C-alpha cells in the first residue's frame, strides 16, 4: 500500500492545466512555474501532489522524501526510477537521471510509493 511520509513540499505556480498531473513528475520552467515533465530520462524538481486546473494556480510539489508516483511501466520494488514523457515513472536505464527508488512494485497506471532523490543522479 502506497503511503507518503517524511516528505518536504513546496508550492509553485502551475504552468498550465495540471488537473491530470497528480502523482507525476514536474519540472521547473524558466518562468518559475511547474509543468509535467516532458523529457524521458530527464530531471524533475519533484512530484505533483495536487491537481491545479489552470495556469497560475497553486501546485503543491514534493521535493524530497517518500511520495506516491504513477507508474508508466512495470517496476519492481528497489528499481531506480526515471521520468517518462508524460511525467510517469519508468525503470531507469544507463545515462538517465535517477529520480528515486521504487519502494513497492507496480504496473502501468498504478500509484506506488517511491523515495524521491533531490537533484537525481545518472543511472550506471
C-alpha atoms as a PDB file:
ATOM      1  CA  UNK A   1       0.000   0.000   0.000  1.00  0.00           C
ATOM      2  CA  UNK A   2       1.424   3.364  -1.053  1.00  0.00           C
ATOM      3  CA  UNK A   3       1.987   5.932   1.671  1.00  0.00           C
ATOM      4  CA  UNK A   4       3.723   9.276   1.961  1.00  0.00           C
ATOM      5  CA  UNK A   5       5.933  10.154   4.910  1.00  0.00           C
ATOM      6  CA  UNK A   6       8.902  12.324   5.846  1.00  0.00           C
ATOM      7  CA  UNK A   7       8.453  14.447   2.760  1.00  0.00           C
ATOM      8  CA  UNK A   8       9.410  18.028   2.024  1.00  0.00           C
ATOM      9  CA  UNK A   9       6.954  20.071  -0.051  1.00  0.00           C
ATOM     10  CA  UNK A  10       6.972  23.429  -1.826  1.00  0.00           C
ATOM     11  CA  UNK A  11       4.236  25.435  -3.524  1.00  0.00           C
ATOM     12  CA  UNK A  12       4.767  26.765  -7.058  1.00  0.00           C
ATOM     13  CA  UNK A  13       2.508  28.257  -9.713  1.00  0.00           C
ATOM     14  CA  UNK A  14       1.128  25.789 -12.243  1.00  0.00           C
ATOM     15  CA  UNK A  15       2.313  26.480 -15.787  1.00  0.00           C
ATOM     16  CA  UNK A  16      -0.989  25.263 -17.241  1.00  0.00           C
ATOM     17  CA  UNK A  17      -3.848  22.896 -16.586  1.00  0.00           C
ATOM     18  CA  UNK A  18      -2.327  20.153 -14.414  1.00  0.00           C
ATOM     19  CA  UNK A  19      -5.649  18.541 -13.480  1.00  0.00           C
ATOM     20  CA  UNK A  20      -4.395  15.129 -14.670  1.00  0.00           C
ATOM     21  CA  UNK A  21      -0.903  15.583 -13.228  1.00  0.00           C
ATOM     22  CA  UNK A  22      -1.366  14.419  -9.642  1.00  0.00           C
ATOM     23  CA  UNK A  23       1.397  11.953  -8.625  1.00  0.00           C
ATOM     24  CA  UNK A  24       3.515  12.693 -11.709  1.00  0.00           C
ATOM     25  CA  UNK A  25       6.979  14.250 -12.071  1.00  0.00           C
ATOM     26  CA  UNK A  26       7.141  18.012 -12.723  1.00  0.00           C
ATOM     27  CA  UNK A  27       9.891  20.337 -13.934  1.00  0.00           C
ATOM     28  CA  UNK A  28      10.561  23.940 -13.003  1.00  0.00           C
ATOM     29  CA  UNK A  29      10.385  26.233 -16.047  1.00  0.00           C
ATOM     30  CA  UNK A  30      12.373  29.444 -16.562  1.00  0.00           C
ATOM     31  CA  UNK A  31       9.286  31.462 -15.577  1.00  0.00           C
ATOM     32  CA  UNK A  32       9.245  29.800 -12.124  1.00  0.00           C
ATOM     33  CA  UNK A  33       6.157  27.723 -12.894  1.00  0.00           C
ATOM     34  CA  UNK A  34       5.938  23.920 -12.881  1.00  0.00           C
ATOM     35  CA  UNK A  35       4.861  21.721 -15.770  1.00  0.00           C
ATOM     36  CA  UNK A  36       4.532  17.959 -16.210  1.00  0.00           C
ATOM     37  CA  UNK A  37       7.942  16.547 -17.131  1.00  0.00           C
ATOM     38  CA  UNK A  38       8.039  16.016 -20.899  1.00  0.00           C
ATOM     39  CA  UNK A  39      11.580  14.629 -21.292  1.00  0.00           C
ATOM     40  CA  UNK A  40      12.137  10.906 -20.809  1.00  0.00           C
ATOM     41  CA  UNK A  41      15.152  10.280 -18.604  1.00  0.00           C
ATOM     42  CA  UNK A  42      15.475  13.982 -17.746  1.00  0.00           C
ATOM     43  CA  UNK A  43      15.481  15.790 -14.425  1.00  0.00           C
ATOM     44  CA  UNK A  44      12.466  16.857 -12.364  1.00  0.00           C
ATOM     45  CA  UNK A  45      12.048  19.182  -9.401  1.00  0.00           C
ATOM     46  CA  UNK A  46       9.571  16.858  -7.714  1.00  0.00           C
ATOM     47  CA  UNK A  47       6.218  15.079  -7.768  1.00  0.00           C
ATOM     48  CA  UNK A  48       2.909  16.973  -8.041  1.00  0.00           C
ATOM     49  CA  UNK A  49       0.657  16.271  -5.046  1.00  0.00           C
ATOM     50  CA  UNK A  50      -2.483  18.130  -6.100  1.00  0.00           C
ATOM     51  CA  UNK A  51      -4.220  18.810  -9.421  1.00  0.00           C
ATOM     52  CA  UNK A  52      -4.418  22.547 -10.228  1.00  0.00           C
ATOM     53  CA  UNK A  53      -6.837  23.071 -13.121  1.00  0.00           C
ATOM     54  CA  UNK A  54      -5.386  26.287 -14.564  1.00  0.00           C
ATOM     55  CA  UNK A  55      -2.152  28.202 -15.050  1.00  0.00           C
ATOM     56  CA  UNK A  56      -1.209  30.316 -12.054  1.00  0.00           C
ATOM     57  CA  UNK A  57      -2.969  28.081  -9.513  1.00  0.00           C
ATOM     58  CA  UNK A  58      -1.074  26.667  -6.540  1.00  0.00           C
ATOM     59  CA  UNK A  59       0.823  23.467  -7.338  1.00  0.00           C
ATOM     60  CA  UNK A  60       1.995  21.529  -4.280  1.00  0.00           C
ATOM     61  CA  UNK A  61       5.181  19.623  -5.110  1.00  0.00           C
ATOM     62  CA  UNK A  62       7.068  17.026  -3.054  1.00  0.00           C
ATOM     63  CA  UNK A  63      10.775  17.859  -3.471  1.00  0.00           C
ATOM     64  CA  UNK A  64      12.193  15.066  -1.281  1.00  0.00           C
ATOM     65  CA  UNK A  65      11.163  12.072   0.755  1.00  0.00           C
ATOM     66  CA  UNK A  66       8.660   9.273   0.410  1.00  0.00           C
ATOM     67  CA  UNK A  67       5.903  10.112  -2.080  1.00  0.00           C
ATOM     68  CA  UNK A  68       3.365   8.437  -4.351  1.00  0.00           C
ATOM     69  CA  UNK A  69       4.059   8.283  -8.106  1.00  0.00           C
ATOM     70  CA  UNK A  70       2.134   6.945 -11.102  1.00  0.00           C
ATOM     71  CA  UNK A  71       3.848   4.092 -12.989  1.00  0.00           C
ATOM     72  CA  UNK A  72       4.365   4.430 -16.734  1.00  0.00           C
ATOM     73  CA  UNK A  73       5.602   0.838 -16.988  1.00  0.00           C
ATOM     74  CA  UNK A  74       6.219  -2.213 -14.848  1.00  0.00           C
ATOM     75  CA  UNK A  75       8.573  -1.547 -11.934  1.00  0.00           C
ATOM     76  CA  UNK A  76       9.800  -3.709  -9.082  1.00  0.00           C
ATOM     77  CA  UNK A  77      10.493  -2.630  -5.508  1.00  0.00           C
ATOM     78  CA  UNK A  78      14.064  -1.332  -5.352  1.00  0.00           C
ATOM     79  CA  UNK A  79      14.227  -0.278  -9.032  1.00  0.00           C
ATOM     80  CA  UNK A  80      15.813   3.041  -9.955  1.00  0.00           C
ATOM     81  CA  UNK A  81      13.142   5.285 -11.490  1.00  0.00           C
ATOM     82  CA  UNK A  82      13.244   7.863 -14.277  1.00  0.00           C
ATOM     83  CA  UNK A  83      10.618  10.207 -15.713  1.00  0.00           C
ATOM     84  CA  UNK A  84       8.640   9.261 -18.820  1.00  0.00           C
ATOM     85  CA  UNK A  85       7.474  11.849 -21.408  1.00  0.00           C
ATOM     86  CA  UNK A  86       4.104  12.072 -19.609  1.00  0.00           C
ATOM     87  CA  UNK A  87       5.556  12.536 -16.109  1.00  0.00           C
ATOM     88  CA  UNK A  88       5.021   8.930 -15.040  1.00  0.00           C
ATOM     89  CA  UNK A  89       7.773   6.718 -13.592  1.00  0.00           C
ATOM     90  CA  UNK A  90       9.735   4.141 -15.578  1.00  0.00           C
ATOM     91  CA  UNK A  91      12.689   1.869 -14.868  1.00  0.00           C
ATOM     92  CA  UNK A  92      15.831   3.986 -15.350  1.00  0.00           C
ATOM     93  CA  UNK A  93      18.371   2.964 -17.988  1.00  0.00           C
ATOM     94  CA  UNK A  94      22.069   3.815 -18.335  1.00  0.00           C
ATOM     95  CA  UNK A  95      22.543   7.580 -18.636  1.00  0.00           C
ATOM     96  CA  UNK A  96      19.041   8.501 -17.437  1.00  0.00           C
ATOM     97  CA  UNK A  97      18.557  10.774 -14.435  1.00  0.00           C
ATOM     98  CA  UNK A  98      17.503   8.593 -11.499  1.00  0.00           C
ATOM     99  CA  UNK A  99      14.762  10.480  -9.660  1.00  0.00           C
ATOM    100  CA  UNK A 100      14.144   7.899  -6.979  1.00  0.00           C
ATOM    101  CA  UNK A 101      13.718   4.303  -5.960  1.00  0.00           C
ATOM    102  CA  UNK A 102      10.533   2.237  -6.055  1.00  0.00           C
ATOM    103  CA  UNK A 103       9.507   1.193  -2.543  1.00  0.00           C
ATOM    104  CA  UNK A 104       6.973  -1.237  -3.963  1.00  0.00           C
ATOM    105  CA  UNK A 105       6.220  -2.936  -7.278  1.00  0.00           C
ATOM    106  CA  UNK A 106       3.658  -1.618  -9.764  1.00  0.00           C
ATOM    107  CA  UNK A 107       2.327  -1.686 -13.323  1.00  0.00           C
ATOM    108  CA  UNK A 108       1.191   0.940 -15.842  1.00  0.00           C
ATOM    109  CA  UNK A 109      -1.255   3.402 -14.273  1.00  0.00           C
ATOM    110  CA  UNK A 110      -0.764   2.133 -10.720  1.00  0.00           C
ATOM    111  CA  UNK A 111       0.198   4.593  -7.980  1.00  0.00           C
ATOM    112  CA  UNK A 112       3.088   3.296  -5.876  1.00  0.00           C
ATOM    113  CA  UNK A 113       5.372   4.620  -3.166  1.00  0.00           C
ATOM    114  CA  UNK A 114       8.814   5.867  -4.158  1.00  0.00           C
ATOM    115  CA  UNK A 115      11.700   7.587  -2.406  1.00  0.00           C
ATOM    116  CA  UNK A 116      12.346  10.817  -4.343  1.00  0.00           C
ATOM    117  CA  UNK A 117      16.002  11.885  -4.715  1.00  0.00           C
ATOM    118  CA  UNK A 118      16.535  15.633  -4.671  1.00  0.00           C
ATOM    119  CA  UNK A 119      18.514  16.560  -7.792  1.00  0.00           C
ATOM    120  CA  UNK A 120      18.696  12.986  -9.075  1.00  0.00           C
ATOM    121  CA  UNK A 121      21.796  11.233 -10.365  1.00  0.00           C
ATOM    122  CA  UNK A 122      22.791   9.296 -13.517  1.00  0.00           C
ATOM    123  CA  UNK A 123      21.991   5.605 -13.820  1.00  0.00           C
ATOM    124  CA  UNK A 124      25.064   3.432 -14.314  1.00  0.00           C
END
